């Protein structure tokens, strides 16, 4: 009898949405590298780089693994 366990729908890998990508174009409060800042998230590249832009137009990149917290500026934590 062939093993059909791997063919079972319950064993399929479920792709979860990237919660950080949902924040694109939002002004965010970011905690990274022991600091915090407020900037607009403008891009997520290679699933590793988070690109931000300040209100003066300055752009910079933060490694995703360095981010310990991120949330939209105009939404309280835990609220939709």
PDB file of N, CA and C in Angstrom:
ATOM      1  N   UNK A   1       0.846  -1.176   0.000  1.00  0.00           N
ATOM      2  CA  UNK A   1       0.000   0.000   0.000  1.00  0.00           C
ATOM      3  C   UNK A   1       0.896   1.245   0.000  1.00  0.00           C
ATOM      4  N   UNK A   2       0.693   2.159  -0.939  1.00  0.00           N
ATOM      5  CA  UNK A   2       1.534   3.361  -0.998  1.00  0.00           C
ATOM      6  C   UNK A   2       1.216   4.321   0.162  1.00  0.00           C
ATOM      7  N   UNK A   3       2.237   5.057   0.551  1.00  0.00           N
ATOM      8  CA  UNK A   3       2.083   6.040   1.611  1.00  0.00           C
ATOM      9  C   UNK A   3       1.524   7.322   1.001  1.00  0.00           C
ATOM     10  N   UNK A   4       0.330   7.714   1.390  1.00  0.00           N
ATOM     11  CA  UNK A   4      -0.310   8.925   0.847  1.00  0.00           C
ATOM     12  C   UNK A   4      -0.300  10.067   1.855  1.00  0.00           C
ATOM     13  N   UNK A   5       0.435   9.906   2.925  1.00  0.00           N
ATOM     14  CA  UNK A   5       0.452  10.925   3.971  1.00  0.00           C
ATOM     15  C   UNK A   5       0.936  12.273   3.446  1.00  0.00           C
ATOM     16  N   UNK A   6       1.974  12.268   2.632  1.00  0.00           N
ATOM     17  CA  UNK A   6       2.497  13.535   2.123  1.00  0.00           C
ATOM     18  C   UNK A   6       1.558  14.193   1.129  1.00  0.00           C
ATOM     19  N   UNK A   7       0.613  13.435   0.584  1.00  0.00           N
ATOM     20  CA  UNK A   7      -0.358  13.997  -0.346  1.00  0.00           C
ATOM     21  C   UNK A   7      -1.568  14.596   0.358  1.00  0.00           C
ATOM     22  N   UNK A   8      -1.637  14.412   1.651  1.00  0.00           N
ATOM     23  CA  UNK A   8      -2.777  14.899   2.418  1.00  0.00           C
ATOM     24  C   UNK A   8      -2.767  16.421   2.469  1.00  0.00           C
ATOM     25  N   UNK A   9      -3.919  17.072   2.276  1.00  0.00           N
ATOM     26  CA  UNK A   9      -3.974  18.545   2.336  1.00  0.00           C
ATOM     27  C   UNK A   9      -3.515  19.106   3.672  1.00  0.00           C
ATOM     28  N   UNK A  10      -3.663  18.351   4.742  1.00  0.00           N
ATOM     29  CA  UNK A  10      -3.275  18.865   6.050  1.00  0.00           C
ATOM     30  C   UNK A  10      -1.761  18.969   6.188  1.00  0.00           C
ATOM     31  N   UNK A  11      -1.013  18.349   5.295  1.00  0.00           N
ATOM     32  CA  UNK A  11       0.439  18.406   5.346  1.00  0.00           C
ATOM     33  C   UNK A  11       1.028  19.423   4.369  1.00  0.00           C
ATOM     34  N   UNK A  12       0.173  20.090   3.607  1.00  0.00           N
ATOM     35  CA  UNK A  12       0.666  21.100   2.688  1.00  0.00           C
ATOM     36  C   UNK A  12       1.182  22.300   3.460  1.00  0.00           C
ATOM     37  N   UNK A  13       2.217  22.895   2.932  1.00  0.00           N
ATOM     38  CA  UNK A  13       2.760  24.088   3.564  1.00  0.00           C
ATOM     39  C   UNK A  13       1.806  25.249   3.325  1.00  0.00           C
ATOM     40  N   UNK A  14       1.398  25.875   4.386  1.00  0.00           N
ATOM     41  CA  UNK A  14       0.490  27.015   4.286  1.00  0.00           C
ATOM     42  C   UNK A  14       1.337  28.279   4.247  1.00  0.00           C
ATOM     43  N   UNK A  15       1.162  29.074   3.203  1.00  0.00           N
ATOM     44  CA  UNK A  15       1.900  30.327   3.094  1.00  0.00           C
ATOM     45  C   UNK A  15       1.193  31.401   3.904  1.00  0.00           C
ATOM     46  N   UNK A  16       1.920  31.967   4.832  1.00  0.00           N
ATOM     47  CA  UNK A  16       1.360  33.032   5.653  1.00  0.00           C
ATOM     48  C   UNK A  16       1.723  34.374   5.034  1.00  0.00           C
ATOM     49  N   UNK A  17       0.843  35.350   5.140  1.00  0.00           N
ATOM     50  CA  UNK A  17       1.161  36.667   4.585  1.00  0.00           C
ATOM     51  C   UNK A  17       2.296  37.315   5.373  1.00  0.00           C
ATOM     52  N   UNK A  18       3.115  38.082   4.692  1.00  0.00           N
ATOM     53  CA  UNK A  18       4.207  38.802   5.328  1.00  0.00           C
ATOM     54  C   UNK A  18       3.619  40.047   5.992  1.00  0.00           C
ATOM     55  N   UNK A  19       3.609  40.057   7.304  1.00  0.00           N
ATOM     56  CA  UNK A  19       2.988  41.160   8.030  1.00  0.00           C
ATOM     57  C   UNK A  19       3.734  42.477   7.839  1.00  0.00           C
ATOM     58  N   UNK A  20       5.031  42.408   7.639  1.00  0.00           N
ATOM     59  CA  UNK A  20       5.781  43.648   7.410  1.00  0.00           C
ATOM     60  C   UNK A  20       5.430  44.242   6.048  1.00  0.00           C
ATOM     61  N   UNK A  21       5.259  43.405   5.034  1.00  0.00           N
ATOM     62  CA  UNK A  21       4.880  43.928   3.715  1.00  0.00           C
ATOM     63  C   UNK A  21       3.513  44.601   3.758  1.00  0.00           C
ATOM     64  N   UNK A  22       2.677  44.210   4.696  1.00  0.00           N
ATOM     65  CA  UNK A  22       1.375  44.862   4.840  1.00  0.00           C
ATOM     66  C   UNK A  22       1.534  46.311   5.315  1.00  0.00           C
ATOM     67  N   UNK A  23       2.710  46.664   5.825  1.00  0.00           N
ATOM     68  CA  UNK A  23       2.962  48.023   6.306  1.00  0.00           C
ATOM     69  C   UNK A  23       3.574  48.934   5.245  1.00  0.00           C
ATOM     70  N   UNK A  24       3.750  48.428   4.033  1.00  0.00           N
ATOM     71  CA  UNK A  24       4.315  49.264   2.971  1.00  0.00           C
ATOM     72  C   UNK A  24       3.513  50.554   2.815  1.00  0.00           C
ATOM     73  N   UNK A  25       4.225  51.636   2.635  1.00  0.00           N
ATOM     74  CA  UNK A  25       3.672  52.985   2.474  1.00  0.00           C
ATOM     75  C   UNK A  25       3.130  53.583   3.765  1.00  0.00           C
ATOM     76  N   UNK A  26       3.213  52.844   4.868  1.00  0.00           N
ATOM     77  CA  UNK A  26       2.773  53.367   6.172  1.00  0.00           C
ATOM     78  C   UNK A  26       3.940  54.051   6.877  1.00  0.00           C
ATOM     79  N   UNK A  27       3.643  55.079   7.639  1.00  0.00           N
ATOM     80  CA  UNK A  27       4.633  55.656   8.536  1.00  0.00           C
ATOM     81  C   UNK A  27       4.655  54.751   9.764  1.00  0.00           C
ATOM     82  N   UNK A  28       5.848  54.271  10.104  1.00  0.00           N
ATOM     83  CA  UNK A  28       5.973  53.267  11.158  1.00  0.00           C
ATOM     84  C   UNK A  28       6.913  53.735  12.264  1.00  0.00           C
ATOM     85  N   UNK A  29       6.668  53.228  13.447  1.00  0.00           N
ATOM     86  CA  UNK A  29       7.610  53.336  14.554  1.00  0.00           C
ATOM     87  C   UNK A  29       8.388  52.034  14.534  1.00  0.00           C
ATOM     88  N   UNK A  30       9.719  52.149  14.455  1.00  0.00           N
ATOM     89  CA  UNK A  30      10.576  50.978  14.286  1.00  0.00           C
ATOM     90  C   UNK A  30      11.567  50.904  15.440  1.00  0.00           C
ATOM     91  N   UNK A  31      11.740  49.722  15.974  1.00  0.00           N
ATOM     92  CA  UNK A  31      12.736  49.460  17.001  1.00  0.00           C
ATOM     93  C   UNK A  31      13.765  48.521  16.388  1.00  0.00           C
ATOM     94  N   UNK A  32      15.012  48.998  16.266  1.00  0.00           N
ATOM     95  CA  UNK A  32      16.071  48.197  15.642  1.00  0.00           C
ATOM     96  C   UNK A  32      17.438  48.651  16.157  1.00  0.00           C
ATOM     97  N   UNK A  33      18.332  47.697  16.304  1.00  0.00           N
ATOM     98  CA  UNK A  33      19.712  47.990  16.718  1.00  0.00           C
ATOM     99  C   UNK A  33      19.788  48.822  17.995  1.00  0.00           C
ATOM    100  N   UNK A  34      18.871  48.586  18.912  1.00  0.00           N
ATOM    101  CA  UNK A  34      18.886  49.310  20.186  1.00  0.00           C
ATOM    102  C   UNK A  34      18.367  50.736  20.097  1.00  0.00           C
ATOM    103  N   UNK A  35      17.843  51.150  18.965  1.00  0.00           N
ATOM    104  CA  UNK A  35      17.306  52.498  18.770  1.00  0.00           C
ATOM    105  C   UNK A  35      15.871  52.410  18.291  1.00  0.00           C
ATOM    106  N   UNK A  36      15.215  53.553  18.239  1.00  0.00           N
ATOM    107  CA  UNK A  36      13.886  53.619  17.641  1.00  0.00           C
ATOM    108  C   UNK A  36      13.841  54.835  16.723  1.00  0.00           C
ATOM    109  N   UNK A  37      13.011  54.739  15.699  1.00  0.00           N
ATOM    110  CA  UNK A  37      12.833  55.858  14.779  1.00  0.00           C
ATOM    111  C   UNK A  37      11.459  55.763  14.149  1.00  0.00           C
ATOM    112  N   UNK A  38      11.060  56.842  13.516  1.00  0.00           N
ATOM    113  CA  UNK A  38       9.772  56.913  12.846  1.00  0.00           C
ATOM    114  C   UNK A  38      10.043  57.280  11.385  1.00  0.00           C
ATOM    115  N   UNK A  39       9.559  56.440  10.459  1.00  0.00           N
ATOM    116  CA  UNK A  39       9.785  56.677   9.028  1.00  0.00           C
ATOM    117  C   UNK A  39       8.776  55.880   8.218  1.00  0.00           C
ATOM    118  N   UNK A  40       8.658  56.224   6.942  1.00  0.00           N
ATOM    119  CA  UNK A  40       7.764  55.499   6.043  1.00  0.00           C
ATOM    120  C   UNK A  40       8.494  54.279   5.491  1.00  0.00           C
ATOM    121  N   UNK A  41       7.858  53.109   5.564  1.00  0.00           N
ATOM    122  CA  UNK A  41       8.402  51.895   4.961  1.00  0.00           C
ATOM    123  C   UNK A  41       8.112  51.960   3.469  1.00  0.00           C
ATOM    124  N   UNK A  42       9.158  52.019   2.646  1.00  0.00           N
ATOM    125  CA  UNK A  42       8.951  52.199   1.208  1.00  0.00           C
ATOM    126  C   UNK A  42       9.225  50.939   0.390  1.00  0.00           C
ATOM    127  N   UNK A  43       9.951  49.958   0.955  1.00  0.00           N
ATOM    128  CA  UNK A  43      10.226  48.738   0.196  1.00  0.00           C
ATOM    129  C   UNK A  43      10.704  47.623   1.111  1.00  0.00           C
ATOM    130  N   UNK A  44      10.397  46.400   0.700  1.00  0.00           N
ATOM    131  CA  UNK A  44      10.960  45.199   1.315  1.00  0.00           C
ATOM    132  C   UNK A  44      11.635  44.457   0.175  1.00  0.00           C
ATOM    133  N   UNK A  45      12.956  44.331   0.255  1.00  0.00           N
ATOM    134  CA  UNK A  45      13.705  43.704  -0.845  1.00  0.00           C
ATOM    135  C   UNK A  45      14.381  42.428  -0.369  1.00  0.00           C
ATOM    136  N   UNK A  46      14.286  41.413  -1.201  1.00  0.00           N
ATOM    137  CA  UNK A  46      14.922  40.110  -0.958  1.00  0.00           C
ATOM    138  C   UNK A  46      14.471  39.485   0.359  1.00  0.00           C
ATOM    139  N   UNK A  47      13.355  39.944   0.905  1.00  0.00           N
ATOM    140  CA  UNK A  47      12.817  39.473   2.174  1.00  0.00           C
ATOM    141  C   UNK A  47      13.796  39.678   3.329  1.00  0.00           C
ATOM    142  N   UNK A  48      14.826  40.495   3.128  1.00  0.00           N
ATOM    143  CA  UNK A  48      15.841  40.760   4.151  1.00  0.00           C
ATOM    144  C   UNK A  48      16.035  42.245   4.423  1.00  0.00           C
ATOM    145  N   UNK A  49      15.818  43.065   3.401  1.00  0.00           N
ATOM    146  CA  UNK A  49      16.087  44.493   3.516  1.00  0.00           C
ATOM    147  C   UNK A  49      14.789  45.271   3.663  1.00  0.00           C
ATOM    148  N   UNK A  50      14.739  46.109   4.682  1.00  0.00           N
ATOM    149  CA  UNK A  50      13.610  47.017   4.865  1.00  0.00           C
ATOM    150  C   UNK A  50      14.117  48.418   4.553  1.00  0.00           C
ATOM    151  N   UNK A  51      13.489  49.074   3.592  1.00  0.00           N
ATOM    152  CA  UNK A  51      13.893  50.409   3.173  1.00  0.00           C
ATOM    153  C   UNK A  51      12.909  51.435   3.709  1.00  0.00           C
ATOM    154  N   UNK A  52      13.460  52.494   4.287  1.00  0.00           N
ATOM    155  CA  UNK A  52      12.661  53.541   4.915  1.00  0.00           C
ATOM    156  C   UNK A  52      12.999  54.886   4.308  1.00  0.00           C
ATOM    157  N   UNK A  53      12.048  55.827   4.441  1.00  0.00           N
ATOM    158  CA  UNK A  53      12.261  57.197   3.985  1.00  0.00           C
ATOM    159  C   UNK A  53      11.765  58.154   5.064  1.00  0.00           C
ATOM    160  N   UNK A  54      12.605  59.126   5.393  1.00  0.00           N
ATOM    161  CA  UNK A  54      12.224  60.141   6.379  1.00  0.00           C
ATOM    162  C   UNK A  54      11.380  61.213   5.722  1.00  0.00           C
ATOM    163  N   UNK A  55      10.800  62.089   6.519  1.00  0.00           N
ATOM    164  CA  UNK A  55       9.979  63.154   5.944  1.00  0.00           C
ATOM    165  C   UNK A  55      10.815  64.160   5.156  1.00  0.00           C
ATOM    166  N   UNK A  56      12.137  64.180   5.385  1.00  0.00           N
ATOM    167  CA  UNK A  56      13.014  65.062   4.607  1.00  0.00           C
ATOM    168  C   UNK A  56      13.497  64.405   3.320  1.00  0.00           C
ATOM    169  N   UNK A  57      13.118  63.139   3.086  1.00  0.00           N
ATOM    170  CA  UNK A  57      13.483  62.461   1.854  1.00  0.00           C
ATOM    171  C   UNK A  57      14.703  61.554   1.959  1.00  0.00           C
ATOM    172  N   UNK A  58      15.342  61.521   3.122  1.00  0.00           N
ATOM    173  CA  UNK A  58      16.498  60.638   3.307  1.00  0.00           C
ATOM    174  C   UNK A  58      16.031  59.187   3.294  1.00  0.00           C
ATOM    175  N   UNK A  59      16.776  58.307   2.610  1.00  0.00           N
ATOM    176  CA  UNK A  59      16.420  56.888   2.519  1.00  0.00           C
ATOM    177  C   UNK A  59      17.542  56.045   3.103  1.00  0.00           C
ATOM    178  N   UNK A  60      17.169  54.955   3.751  1.00  0.00           N
ATOM    179  CA  UNK A  60      18.151  54.034   4.312  1.00  0.00           C
ATOM    180  C   UNK A  60      17.552  52.648   4.439  1.00  0.00           C
ATOM    181  N   UNK A  61      18.449  51.674   4.648  1.00  0.00           N
ATOM    182  CA  UNK A  61      18.057  50.279   4.740  1.00  0.00           C
ATOM    183  C   UNK A  61      18.416  49.744   6.122  1.00  0.00           C
ATOM    184  N   UNK A  62      17.524  48.887   6.634  1.00  0.00           N
ATOM    185  CA  UNK A  62      17.765  48.183   7.895  1.00  0.00           C
ATOM    186  C   UNK A  62      17.556  46.699   7.610  1.00  0.00           C
ATOM    187  N   UNK A  63      18.471  45.884   8.077  1.00  0.00           N
ATOM    188  CA  UNK A  63      18.306  44.441   7.930  1.00  0.00           C
ATOM    189  C   UNK A  63      17.084  43.989   8.721  1.00  0.00           C
ATOM    190  N   UNK A  64      16.268  43.166   8.116  1.00  0.00           N
ATOM    191  CA  UNK A  64      15.046  42.683   8.759  1.00  0.00           C
ATOM    192  C   UNK A  64      15.344  42.019  10.107  1.00  0.00           C
ATOM    193  N   UNK A  65      16.433  41.250  10.169  1.00  0.00           N
ATOM    194  CA  UNK A  65      16.754  40.538  11.414  1.00  0.00           C
ATOM    195  C   UNK A  65      17.143  41.488  12.545  1.00  0.00           C
ATOM    196  N   UNK A  66      17.466  42.738  12.223  1.00  0.00           N
ATOM    197  CA  UNK A  66      17.812  43.727  13.247  1.00  0.00           C
ATOM    198  C   UNK A  66      16.573  44.371  13.869  1.00  0.00           C
ATOM    199  N   UNK A  67      15.428  44.242  13.207  1.00  0.00           N
ATOM    200  CA  UNK A  67      14.196  44.869  13.693  1.00  0.00           C
ATOM    201  C   UNK A  67      13.588  44.009  14.803  1.00  0.00           C
ATOM    202  N   UNK A  68      13.437  44.619  15.967  1.00  0.00           N
ATOM    203  CA  UNK A  68      12.825  43.909  17.089  1.00  0.00           C
ATOM    204  C   UNK A  68      11.358  44.283  17.268  1.00  0.00           C
ATOM    205  N   UNK A  69      10.926  45.352  16.624  1.00  0.00           N
ATOM    206  CA  UNK A  69       9.529  45.757  16.685  1.00  0.00           C
ATOM    207  C   UNK A  69       9.216  46.788  15.620  1.00  0.00           C
ATOM    208  N   UNK A  70       7.999  46.719  15.096  1.00  0.00           N
ATOM    209  CA  UNK A  70       7.560  47.686  14.089  1.00  0.00           C
ATOM    210  C   UNK A  70       6.037  47.762  14.150  1.00  0.00           C
ATOM    211  N   UNK A  71       5.514  48.983  14.080  1.00  0.00           N
ATOM    212  CA  UNK A  71       4.061  49.166  14.065  1.00  0.00           C
ATOM    213  C   UNK A  71       3.730  50.472  13.358  1.00  0.00           C
ATOM    214  N   UNK A  72       2.529  50.547  12.804  1.00  0.00           N
ATOM    215  CA  UNK A  72       2.122  51.795  12.150  1.00  0.00           C
ATOM    216  C   UNK A  72       1.992  52.917  13.179  1.00  0.00           C
ATOM    217  N   UNK A  73       2.358  54.099  12.802  1.00  0.00           N
ATOM    218  CA  UNK A  73       2.321  55.249  13.699  1.00  0.00           C
ATOM    219  C   UNK A  73       0.913  55.563  14.177  1.00  0.00           C
ATOM    220  N   UNK A  74      -0.059  55.496  13.285  1.00  0.00           N
ATOM    221  CA  UNK A  74      -1.410  55.944  13.621  1.00  0.00           C
ATOM    222  C   UNK A  74      -2.330  54.858  14.106  1.00  0.00           C
ATOM    223  N   UNK A  75      -1.801  53.710  14.467  1.00  0.00           N
ATOM    224  CA  UNK A  75      -2.626  52.634  15.022  1.00  0.00           C
ATOM    225  C   UNK A  75      -1.983  52.160  16.315  1.00  0.00           C
ATOM    226  N   UNK A  76      -2.777  52.081  17.354  1.00  0.00           N
ATOM    227  CA  UNK A  76      -2.254  51.641  18.642  1.00  0.00           C
ATOM    228  C   UNK A  76      -1.888  50.162  18.580  1.00  0.00           C
ATOM    229  N   UNK A  77      -0.897  49.720  19.364  1.00  0.00           N
ATOM    230  CA  UNK A  77      -0.531  48.308  19.371  1.00  0.00           C
ATOM    231  C   UNK A  77      -1.729  47.431  19.736  1.00  0.00           C
ATOM    232  N   UNK A  78      -1.917  46.345  19.003  1.00  0.00           N
ATOM    233  CA  UNK A  78      -3.008  45.417  19.279  1.00  0.00           C
ATOM    234  C   UNK A  78      -4.355  45.830  18.719  1.00  0.00           C
ATOM    235  N   UNK A  79      -4.412  46.973  18.035  1.00  0.00           N
ATOM    236  CA  UNK A  79      -5.669  47.457  17.446  1.00  0.00           C
ATOM    237  C   UNK A  79      -5.624  47.336  15.940  1.00  0.00           C
ATOM    238  N   UNK A  80      -6.759  47.114  15.303  1.00  0.00           N
ATOM    239  CA  UNK A  80      -6.829  47.034  13.849  1.00  0.00           C
ATOM    240  C   UNK A  80      -7.260  48.357  13.279  1.00  0.00           C
TER     241      UNK A  80
END
